[in-house]
C-alpha atoms as a PDB file:
ATOM      1  CA  MET A   1     -11.116   6.852 -11.403  1.00  0.00           C
ATOM      2  CA  ALA A   2     -10.652   8.604 -14.749  1.00  0.00           C
ATOM      3  CA  GLU A   3     -12.499   7.137 -17.729  1.00  0.00           C
ATOM      4  CA  VAL A   4     -10.534   5.077 -20.216  1.00  0.00           C
ATOM      5  CA  PRO A   5     -11.222   6.693 -23.630  1.00  0.00           C
ATOM      6  CA  VAL A   6     -10.972   3.395 -25.510  1.00  0.00           C
ATOM      7  CA  LEU A   7     -14.222   2.169 -23.948  1.00  0.00           C
ATOM      8  CA  SER A   8     -16.243   4.409 -26.231  1.00  0.00           C
ATOM      9  CA  GLY A   9     -15.358   2.096 -29.109  1.00  0.00           C
ATOM     10  CA  THR A  10     -14.230   4.981 -31.321  1.00  0.00           C
ATOM     11  CA  PHE A  11     -10.530   4.294 -30.905  1.00  0.00           C
ATOM     12  CA  THR A  12      -9.168   1.661 -33.271  1.00  0.00           C
ATOM     13  CA  GLY A  13      -5.448   2.032 -32.620  1.00  0.00           C
ATOM     14  CA  PRO A  14      -2.552   3.255 -34.768  1.00  0.00           C
ATOM     15  CA  LEU A  15      -2.620   2.362 -38.468  1.00  0.00           C
ATOM     16  CA  TRP A  16       0.530   0.214 -38.244  1.00  0.00           C
ATOM     17  CA  PHE A  17      -1.017  -1.752 -35.369  1.00  0.00           C
ATOM     18  CA  ASN A  18      -4.273  -2.280 -37.315  1.00  0.00           C
ATOM     19  CA  GLN A  19      -2.436  -3.516 -40.376  1.00  0.00           C
ATOM     20  CA  SER A  20      -0.200  -5.885 -38.378  1.00  0.00           C
ATOM     21  CA  PHE A  21      -3.011  -7.228 -36.226  1.00  0.00           C
ATOM     22  CA  SER A  22      -5.293  -7.869 -39.200  1.00  0.00           C
ATOM     23  CA  LYS A  23      -2.724 -10.343 -40.547  1.00  0.00           C
ATOM     24  CA  VAL A  24      -2.909 -12.459 -37.414  1.00  0.00           C
ATOM     25  CA  GLY A  25      -5.382 -15.318 -37.471  1.00  0.00           C
ATOM     26  CA  GLU A  26      -8.503 -15.227 -35.318  1.00  0.00           C
ATOM     27  CA  GLN A  27      -7.219 -18.047 -33.133  1.00  0.00           C
ATOM     28  CA  LYS A  28      -4.025 -16.135 -32.330  1.00  0.00           C
ATOM     29  CA  GLN A  29      -6.001 -12.942 -31.751  1.00  0.00           C
ATOM     30  CA  ALA A  30      -8.179 -14.744 -29.233  1.00  0.00           C
ATOM     31  CA  GLY A  31      -5.039 -16.171 -27.602  1.00  0.00           C
ATOM     32  CA  VAL A  32      -3.562 -12.705 -27.163  1.00  0.00           C
ATOM     33  CA  ILE A  33      -6.753 -11.468 -25.507  1.00  0.00           C
ATOM     34  CA  SER A  34      -6.930 -14.534 -23.263  1.00  0.00           C
ATOM     35  CA  ARG A  35      -3.407 -13.836 -22.011  1.00  0.00           C
ATOM     36  CA  LEU A  36      -4.206 -10.176 -21.420  1.00  0.00           C
ATOM     37  CA  LEU A  37      -7.334 -11.118 -19.492  1.00  0.00           C
ATOM     38  CA  PHE A  38      -5.222 -13.513 -17.396  1.00  0.00           C
ATOM     39  CA  TYR A  39      -2.505 -10.970 -16.601  1.00  0.00           C
ATOM     40  CA  SER A  40      -5.144  -8.302 -15.941  1.00  0.00           C
ATOM     41  CA  GLY A  41      -6.650 -10.717 -13.434  1.00  0.00           C
ATOM     42  CA  LEU A  42      -3.278 -11.089 -11.708  1.00  0.00           C
ATOM     43  CA  LEU A  43      -2.972  -7.312 -11.525  1.00  0.00           C
ATOM     44  CA  PHE A  44      -6.452  -7.120 -10.013  1.00  0.00           C
ATOM     45  CA  THR A  45      -5.456  -9.641  -7.322  1.00  0.00           C
ATOM     46  CA  HIS A  46      -2.426  -7.522  -6.465  1.00  0.00           C
ATOM     47  CA  LEU A  47      -4.518  -4.352  -6.371  1.00  0.00           C
ATOM     48  CA  LEU A  48      -6.987  -6.066  -4.059  1.00  0.00           C
ATOM     49  CA  SER A  49      -4.259  -6.833  -1.530  1.00  0.00           C
ATOM     50  CA  GLN A  50      -2.604  -3.422  -1.748  1.00  0.00           C
ATOM     51  CA  SER A  51      -5.470  -0.991  -2.370  1.00  0.00           C
ATOM     52  CA  PRO A  52      -9.124  -2.011  -2.037  1.00  0.00           C
ATOM     53  CA  SER A  53     -10.263   1.397  -3.325  1.00  0.00           C
ATOM     54  CA  LEU A  54      -8.361   0.979  -6.584  1.00  0.00           C
ATOM     55  CA  SER A  55      -9.367  -2.644  -7.015  1.00  0.00           C
ATOM     56  CA  GLY A  56     -13.053  -1.711  -7.114  1.00  0.00           C
ATOM     57  CA  ASP A  57     -12.541   0.728  -9.980  1.00  0.00           C
ATOM     58  CA  PHE A  58     -10.278  -1.743 -11.782  1.00  0.00           C
ATOM     59  CA  SER A  59     -12.855  -4.519 -11.452  1.00  0.00           C
ATOM     60  CA  ARG A  60     -15.654  -2.427 -12.971  1.00  0.00           C
ATOM     61  CA  VAL A  61     -13.627  -1.329 -16.008  1.00  0.00           C
ATOM     62  CA  TYR A  62     -12.111  -4.807 -16.446  1.00  0.00           C
ATOM     63  CA  THR A  63     -15.594  -6.353 -16.531  1.00  0.00           C
ATOM     64  CA  MET A  64     -16.793  -3.782 -19.050  1.00  0.00           C
ATOM     65  CA  ILE A  65     -13.888  -4.431 -21.404  1.00  0.00           C
ATOM     66  CA  SER A  66     -14.044  -8.229 -21.170  1.00  0.00           C
ATOM     67  CA  GLU A  67     -17.825  -8.254 -21.723  1.00  0.00           C
ATOM     68  CA  ARG A  68     -17.450  -6.175 -24.869  1.00  0.00           C
ATOM     69  CA  TYR A  69     -15.122  -8.804 -26.278  1.00  0.00           C
ATOM     70  CA  LEU A  70     -17.241 -11.745 -25.176  1.00  0.00           C
ATOM     71  CA  LEU A  71     -20.390 -10.196 -26.627  1.00  0.00           C
ATOM     72  CA  ASN A  72     -18.739  -8.994 -29.804  1.00  0.00           C
ATOM     73  CA  PRO A  73     -15.486 -10.795 -30.797  1.00  0.00           C
ATOM     74  CA  ALA A  74     -15.169  -8.445 -33.785  1.00  0.00           C
ATOM     75  CA  ARG A  75     -13.934  -5.777 -31.379  1.00  0.00           C
ATOM     76  CA  ARG A  76     -10.737  -7.642 -30.631  1.00  0.00           C
ATOM     77  CA  LEU A  77      -8.438  -4.681 -31.382  1.00  0.00           C
ATOM     78  CA  THR A  78     -10.407  -2.315 -29.173  1.00  0.00           C
ATOM     79  CA  THR A  79     -10.418  -4.923 -26.409  1.00  0.00           C
ATOM     80  CA  ILE A  80      -6.651  -5.434 -26.555  1.00  0.00           C
ATOM     81  CA  THR A  81      -6.002  -1.692 -26.519  1.00  0.00           C
ATOM     82  CA  GLY A  82      -8.405  -1.233 -23.627  1.00  0.00           C
ATOM     83  CA  LEU A  83      -6.796  -3.970 -21.546  1.00  0.00           C
ATOM     84  CA  LEU A  84      -3.304  -2.613 -22.182  1.00  0.00           C
ATOM     85  CA  LEU A  85      -4.340   0.907 -21.200  1.00  0.00           C
ATOM     86  CA  LEU A  86      -6.153  -0.412 -18.131  1.00  0.00           C
ATOM     87  CA  MET A  87      -3.101  -2.344 -16.925  1.00  0.00           C
ATOM     88  CA  VAL A  88      -0.751   0.618 -17.442  1.00  0.00           C
ATOM     89  CA  PHE A  89      -3.194   3.088 -15.863  1.00  0.00           C
ATOM     90  CA  SER A  90      -3.867   0.892 -12.817  1.00  0.00           C
ATOM     91  CA  SER A  91      -0.180   0.140 -12.289  1.00  0.00           C
ATOM     92  CA  THR A  92       0.561   3.872 -12.336  1.00  0.00           C
ATOM     93  CA  LEU A  93      -2.158   4.555  -9.777  1.00  0.00           C
ATOM     94  CA  LEU A  94      -0.886   1.775  -7.539  1.00  0.00           C
ATOM     95  CA  ALA A  95       2.624   3.227  -7.621  1.00  0.00           C
ATOM     96  CA  ALA A  96       1.184   6.599  -6.579  1.00  0.00           C
ATOM     97  CA  GLU A  97      -0.817   5.158  -3.686  1.00  0.00           C
ATOM     98  CA  PRO A  98       0.367   5.851  -0.142  1.00  0.00           C
ATOM     99  CA  MET A  99       2.539   3.157   1.313  1.00  0.00           C
ATOM    100  CA  SER A 100       0.482   0.156   2.280  1.00  0.00           C
ATOM    101  CA  LEU A 101       0.714  -1.064   5.872  1.00  0.00           C
ATOM    102  CA  SER A 102       1.594  -4.502   4.472  1.00  0.00           C
ATOM    103  CA  ARG A 103       4.928  -2.900   3.560  1.00  0.00           C
ATOM    104  CA  TYR A 104       5.176  -0.909   6.786  1.00  0.00           C
ATOM    105  CA  LYS A 105       8.627  -0.911   8.382  1.00  0.00           C
ATOM    106  CA  LEU A 106       8.864  -1.234  12.131  1.00  0.00           C
ATOM    107  CA  GLY A 107      10.069   1.634  14.277  1.00  0.00           C
ATOM    108  CA  ALA A 108      10.693   2.532  17.908  1.00  0.00           C
ATOM    109  CA  GLY A 109       7.495   2.257  19.956  1.00  0.00           C
ATOM    110  CA  ASP A 110       5.766  -0.381  17.824  1.00  0.00           C
ATOM    111  CA  LYS A 111       4.305  -3.236  19.864  1.00  0.00           C
ATOM    112  CA  ILE A 112       4.456  -6.699  18.295  1.00  0.00           C
ATOM    113  CA  MET A 113       3.789 -10.295  19.264  1.00  0.00           C
ATOM    114  CA  ILE A 114       6.183 -13.095  18.343  1.00  0.00           C
ATOM    115  CA  SER A 115       5.208 -16.747  18.711  1.00  0.00           C
ATOM    116  CA  VAL A 116       6.435 -20.168  17.641  1.00  0.00           C
ATOM    117  CA  TYR A 117       3.772 -22.759  16.878  1.00  0.00           C
ATOM    118  CA  GLY A 118       3.560 -25.379  19.615  1.00  0.00           C
ATOM    119  CA  GLU A 119       5.932 -23.532  21.959  1.00  0.00           C
ATOM    120  CA  GLU A 120       3.982 -21.642  24.656  1.00  0.00           C
ATOM    121  CA  GLY A 121       7.097 -20.228  26.292  1.00  0.00           C
ATOM    122  CA  MET A 122       8.082 -18.523  23.036  1.00  0.00           C
ATOM    123  CA  GLU A 123       5.030 -16.252  22.816  1.00  0.00           C
ATOM    124  CA  LYS A 124       6.143 -12.724  23.711  1.00  0.00           C
ATOM    125  CA  GLU A 125       4.686  -9.239  23.399  1.00  0.00           C
ATOM    126  CA  LEU A 126       7.522  -6.814  22.749  1.00  0.00           C
ATOM    127  CA  ILE A 127       7.942  -3.080  22.197  1.00  0.00           C
ATOM    128  CA  LEU A 128      10.760  -1.827  20.014  1.00  0.00           C
ATOM    129  CA  THR A 129      13.188   0.259  22.084  1.00  0.00           C
ATOM    130  CA  ASP A 130      14.304   3.770  21.150  1.00  0.00           C
ATOM    131  CA  ALA A 131      17.241   2.093  19.438  1.00  0.00           C
ATOM    132  CA  GLY A 132      14.833  -0.075  17.441  1.00  0.00           C
ATOM    133  CA  SER A 133      15.803  -3.368  19.064  1.00  0.00           C
ATOM    134  CA  ILE A 134      13.942  -6.244  20.744  1.00  0.00           C
ATOM    135  CA  SER A 135      14.990  -9.076  23.038  1.00  0.00           C
ATOM    136  CA  TYR A 136      13.773 -12.613  22.400  1.00  0.00           C
ATOM    137  CA  PRO A 137      14.497 -15.987  24.082  1.00  0.00           C
ATOM    138  CA  PHE A 138      17.694 -17.721  22.863  1.00  0.00           C
ATOM    139  CA  LEU A 139      18.434 -14.845  20.504  1.00  0.00           C
ATOM    140  CA  GLY A 140      19.095 -12.039  22.947  1.00  0.00           C
ATOM    141  CA  GLU A 141      18.809  -8.444  21.774  1.00  0.00           C
ATOM    142  CA  PHE A 142      18.858  -7.605  18.082  1.00  0.00           C
ATOM    143  CA  ARG A 143      17.698  -4.842  15.755  1.00  0.00           C
ATOM    144  CA  ALA A 144      14.169  -5.005  14.299  1.00  0.00           C
ATOM    145  CA  LYS A 145      13.791  -1.389  13.194  1.00  0.00           C
ATOM    146  CA  GLY A 146      13.441  -0.955   9.444  1.00  0.00           C
ATOM    147  CA  LEU A 147      12.078  -4.465   8.852  1.00  0.00           C
ATOM    148  CA  THR A 148       8.576  -5.403   7.737  1.00  0.00           C
ATOM    149  CA  LEU A 149       6.686  -7.992   9.784  1.00  0.00           C
ATOM    150  CA  GLY A 150       7.435 -10.580   7.110  1.00  0.00           C
ATOM    151  CA  GLU A 151      11.145  -9.753   7.089  1.00  0.00           C
ATOM    152  CA  LEU A 152      11.333  -9.962  10.878  1.00  0.00           C
ATOM    153  CA  GLU A 153       9.490 -13.290  10.800  1.00  0.00           C
ATOM    154  CA  LYS A 154      12.033 -14.664   8.333  1.00  0.00           C
ATOM    155  CA  LEU A 155      14.971 -13.328  10.346  1.00  0.00           C
ATOM    156  CA  ILE A 156      13.785 -14.932  13.594  1.00  0.00           C
ATOM    157  CA  THR A 157      13.097 -18.221  11.800  1.00  0.00           C
ATOM    158  CA  GLU A 158      16.644 -18.322  10.441  1.00  0.00           C
ATOM    159  CA  LYS A 159      18.136 -17.464  13.844  1.00  0.00           C
ATOM    160  CA  LEU A 160      16.114 -20.169  15.630  1.00  0.00           C
ATOM    161  CA  LYS A 161      17.143 -22.764  13.051  1.00  0.00           C
ATOM    162  CA  ASP A 162      20.743 -22.060  13.929  1.00  0.00           C
ATOM    163  CA  GLY A 163      21.028 -24.566  16.777  1.00  0.00           C
ATOM    164  CA  TYR A 164      17.674 -24.216  18.542  1.00  0.00           C
ATOM    165  CA  TYR A 165      14.813 -25.622  16.419  1.00  0.00           C
ATOM    166  CA  ILE A 166      14.687 -27.868  13.370  1.00  0.00           C
ATOM    167  CA  ASP A 167      11.739 -26.269  11.616  1.00  0.00           C
ATOM    168  CA  PRO A 168      10.234 -23.443  13.714  1.00  0.00           C
ATOM    169  CA  ARG A 169       6.927 -21.955  12.528  1.00  0.00           C
ATOM    170  CA  VAL A 170       7.342 -18.341  13.552  1.00  0.00           C
ATOM    171  CA  SER A 171       4.541 -15.792  13.517  1.00  0.00           C
ATOM    172  CA  VAL A 172       4.955 -12.024  14.003  1.00  0.00           C
ATOM    173  CA  THR A 173       1.855  -9.856  14.358  1.00  0.00           C
ATOM    174  CA  MET A 174       1.333  -6.161  15.010  1.00  0.00           C
ATOM    175  CA  MET A 175      -0.333  -5.434  18.348  1.00  0.00           C
ATOM    176  CA  GLU A 176      -0.114  -1.657  18.449  1.00  0.00           C
ATOM    177  CA  TYR A 177       1.446   0.874  16.100  1.00  0.00           C
ATOM    178  CA  ARG A 178       3.653   3.661  17.413  1.00  0.00           C
ATOM    179  CA  LYS A 179       2.024   7.041  17.936  1.00  0.00           C
ATOM    180  CA  PHE A 180       1.868   9.888  15.450  1.00  0.00           C
ATOM    181  CA  PHE A 181       2.177  13.524  16.521  1.00  0.00           C
ATOM    182  CA  VAL A 182       0.324  16.719  15.636  1.00  0.00           C
ATOM    183  CA  SER A 183       1.699  20.176  16.418  1.00  0.00           C
ATOM    184  CA  GLY A 184       1.196  23.777  15.371  1.00  0.00           C
ATOM    185  CA  GLU A 185      -2.173  25.412  14.808  1.00  0.00           C
ATOM    186  CA  VAL A 186      -4.422  22.746  16.335  1.00  0.00           C
ATOM    187  CA  LYS A 187      -6.406  23.007  19.561  1.00  0.00           C
ATOM    188  CA  GLU A 188      -4.943  19.972  21.337  1.00  0.00           C
ATOM    189  CA  PRO A 189      -1.448  19.148  20.015  1.00  0.00           C
ATOM    190  CA  GLY A 190       0.246  15.952  21.137  1.00  0.00           C
ATOM    191  CA  GLY A 191       0.778  12.279  20.391  1.00  0.00           C
ATOM    192  CA  PHE A 192      -2.091  10.006  19.352  1.00  0.00           C
ATOM    193  CA  ALA A 193      -2.674   6.296  18.838  1.00  0.00           C
ATOM    194  CA  PHE A 194      -2.539   5.246  15.196  1.00  0.00           C
ATOM    195  CA  GLU A 195      -5.315   3.282  13.507  1.00  0.00           C
ATOM    196  CA  PRO A 196      -5.221   1.860   9.941  1.00  0.00           C
ATOM    197  CA  GLY A 197      -7.070   4.041   7.439  1.00  0.00           C
ATOM    198  CA  LEU A 198      -6.210   7.277   9.223  1.00  0.00           C
ATOM    199  CA  THR A 199      -6.227  10.374   7.013  1.00  0.00           C
ATOM    200  CA  LEU A 200      -4.766  13.799   7.714  1.00  0.00           C
ATOM    201  CA  GLU A 201      -8.254  15.224   8.226  1.00  0.00           C
ATOM    202  CA  LYS A 202      -9.040  12.590  10.894  1.00  0.00           C
ATOM    203  CA  ALA A 203      -5.665  13.156  12.538  1.00  0.00           C
ATOM    204  CA  VAL A 204      -6.367  16.874  12.893  1.00  0.00           C
ATOM    205  CA  ALA A 205      -9.808  16.068  14.316  1.00  0.00           C
ATOM    206  CA  LEU A 206      -8.157  13.897  16.992  1.00  0.00           C
ATOM    207  CA  ALA A 207      -6.038  16.925  17.883  1.00  0.00           C
ATOM    208  CA  GLY A 208      -9.168  18.993  18.520  1.00  0.00           C
ATOM    209  CA  GLY A 209      -9.428  20.509  15.052  1.00  0.00           C
ATOM    210  CA  PHE A 210      -7.857  23.596  13.503  1.00  0.00           C
ATOM    211  CA  THR A 211      -7.431  26.886  15.326  1.00  0.00           C
ATOM    212  CA  GLN A 212      -8.799  30.028  13.701  1.00  0.00           C
ATOM    213  CA  ARG A 213      -5.304  30.935  12.516  1.00  0.00           C
ATOM    214  CA  ALA A 214      -4.561  27.560  10.919  1.00  0.00           C
ATOM    215  CA  SER A 215      -3.626  27.223   7.264  1.00  0.00           C
ATOM    216  CA  LYS A 216      -5.351  24.164   5.814  1.00  0.00           C
ATOM    217  CA  LYS A 217      -3.015  24.287   2.832  1.00  0.00           C
ATOM    218  CA  GLY A 218       0.140  24.645   4.903  1.00  0.00           C
ATOM    219  CA  ILE A 219       0.262  21.200   6.499  1.00  0.00           C
ATOM    220  CA  THR A 220       3.531  19.299   6.431  1.00  0.00           C
ATOM    221  CA  VAL A 221       4.491  15.844   7.666  1.00  0.00           C
ATOM    222  CA  THR A 222       7.945  14.669   8.656  1.00  0.00           C
ATOM    223  CA  ARG A 223       8.250  10.960   7.910  1.00  0.00           C
ATOM    224  CA  GLU A 224      11.162   8.549   8.129  1.00  0.00           C
ATOM    225  CA  GLU A 225      12.001   7.025   4.762  1.00  0.00           C
ATOM    226  CA  ASN A 226      15.018   4.768   4.245  1.00  0.00           C
ATOM    227  CA  GLY A 227      16.513   5.916   7.533  1.00  0.00           C
ATOM    228  CA  LYS A 228      16.159   9.638   6.765  1.00  0.00           C
ATOM    229  CA  ALA A 229      13.603  12.224   7.887  1.00  0.00           C
ATOM    230  CA  VAL A 230      11.726  13.542   4.849  1.00  0.00           C
ATOM    231  CA  GLU A 231       9.311  16.492   4.946  1.00  0.00           C
ATOM    232  CA  ARG A 232       6.252  16.487   2.691  1.00  0.00           C
ATOM    233  CA  THR A 233       3.216  18.698   2.147  1.00  0.00           C
ATOM    234  CA  LEU A 234      -0.061  16.782   2.495  1.00  0.00           C
ATOM    235  CA  SER A 235      -3.697  17.364   1.599  1.00  0.00           C
ATOM    236  CA  LEU A 236      -6.507  16.533   4.024  1.00  0.00           C
ATOM    237  CA  ASN A 237      -7.341  13.275   2.195  1.00  0.00           C
ATOM    238  CA  ASP A 238      -3.788  11.914   2.292  1.00  0.00           C
ATOM    239  CA  SER A 239      -2.911   8.979   4.528  1.00  0.00           C
ATOM    240  CA  VAL A 240      -1.083   9.280   7.825  1.00  0.00           C
ATOM    241  CA  LEU A 241       1.425   6.630   8.938  1.00  0.00           C
ATOM    242  CA  PRO A 242       2.694   5.591  12.369  1.00  0.00           C
ATOM    243  CA  GLY A 243       5.459   7.872  13.618  1.00  0.00           C
ATOM    244  CA  ASP A 244       4.443  10.798  11.392  1.00  0.00           C
ATOM    245  CA  ILE A 245       5.043  14.279  12.796  1.00  0.00           C
ATOM    246  CA  ILE A 246       2.332  16.570  11.457  1.00  0.00           C
ATOM    247  CA  THR A 247       2.784  20.350  11.605  1.00  0.00           C
ATOM    248  CA  VAL A 248      -0.056  22.759  10.855  1.00  0.00           C
ATOM    249  CA  SER A 249       1.244  26.187   9.866  1.00  0.00           C
ATOM    250  CA  GLU A 250      -0.301  29.548  10.657  1.00  0.00           C
ATOM    251  CA  SER A 251      -2.257  31.358   7.941  1.00  0.00           C
ATOM    252  CA  PHE A 252      -1.179  34.915   7.197  1.00  0.00           C
ATOM    253  CA  PHE A 253      -4.381  35.878   5.363  1.00  0.00           C
END
């Protein structure tokens, strides 16, 4: 994670900000910092759920900034500036992170389990068909493709409330993600089981590694986004998602 320049203590903010902030009483200054610390804490909680790698960096810098204020209240302006920069910087990084599996949208081939608390006959393991549909007791066949687990859980709950259960407690869990595929200049092209945390480098290793003619900079992935196939160029450290079609090009040098 890049260093935040304000931590050196040499940055004191724009002149207009210094002049305005100096007119605010110490109690109000402390209140502003308290709110920033609170909202920074909320951002940290969100980062923790979406990106553990980012949350570790955020936590270290957050602690450094807050300790500087607690140990030396005279540095209030530097602390406020640091917290603001930290929140903006971390939010930008989070937006640039690969899609989290918590937001993963179901597709054909995904295997899920649906259950209703207290109803043994309602526990079913299902695989999304090529059309992206599933069949469930009372509800028949309906489309699940394009929904997150949470969205599907809500949809089934609403359907079951419509004449079948008063207050069903529905749970939808992922049992097995759909395969991803590797083709082109790899030794063993084909489809492979997906595991969370998979990077492009690991995916290529599962396919037997690169051939001698492979271009490590010419790797593309075709991924479904919002119902459309989108082609991207990836680096070896980038994340792979279920259903990705990875193509390793041939090097001409």
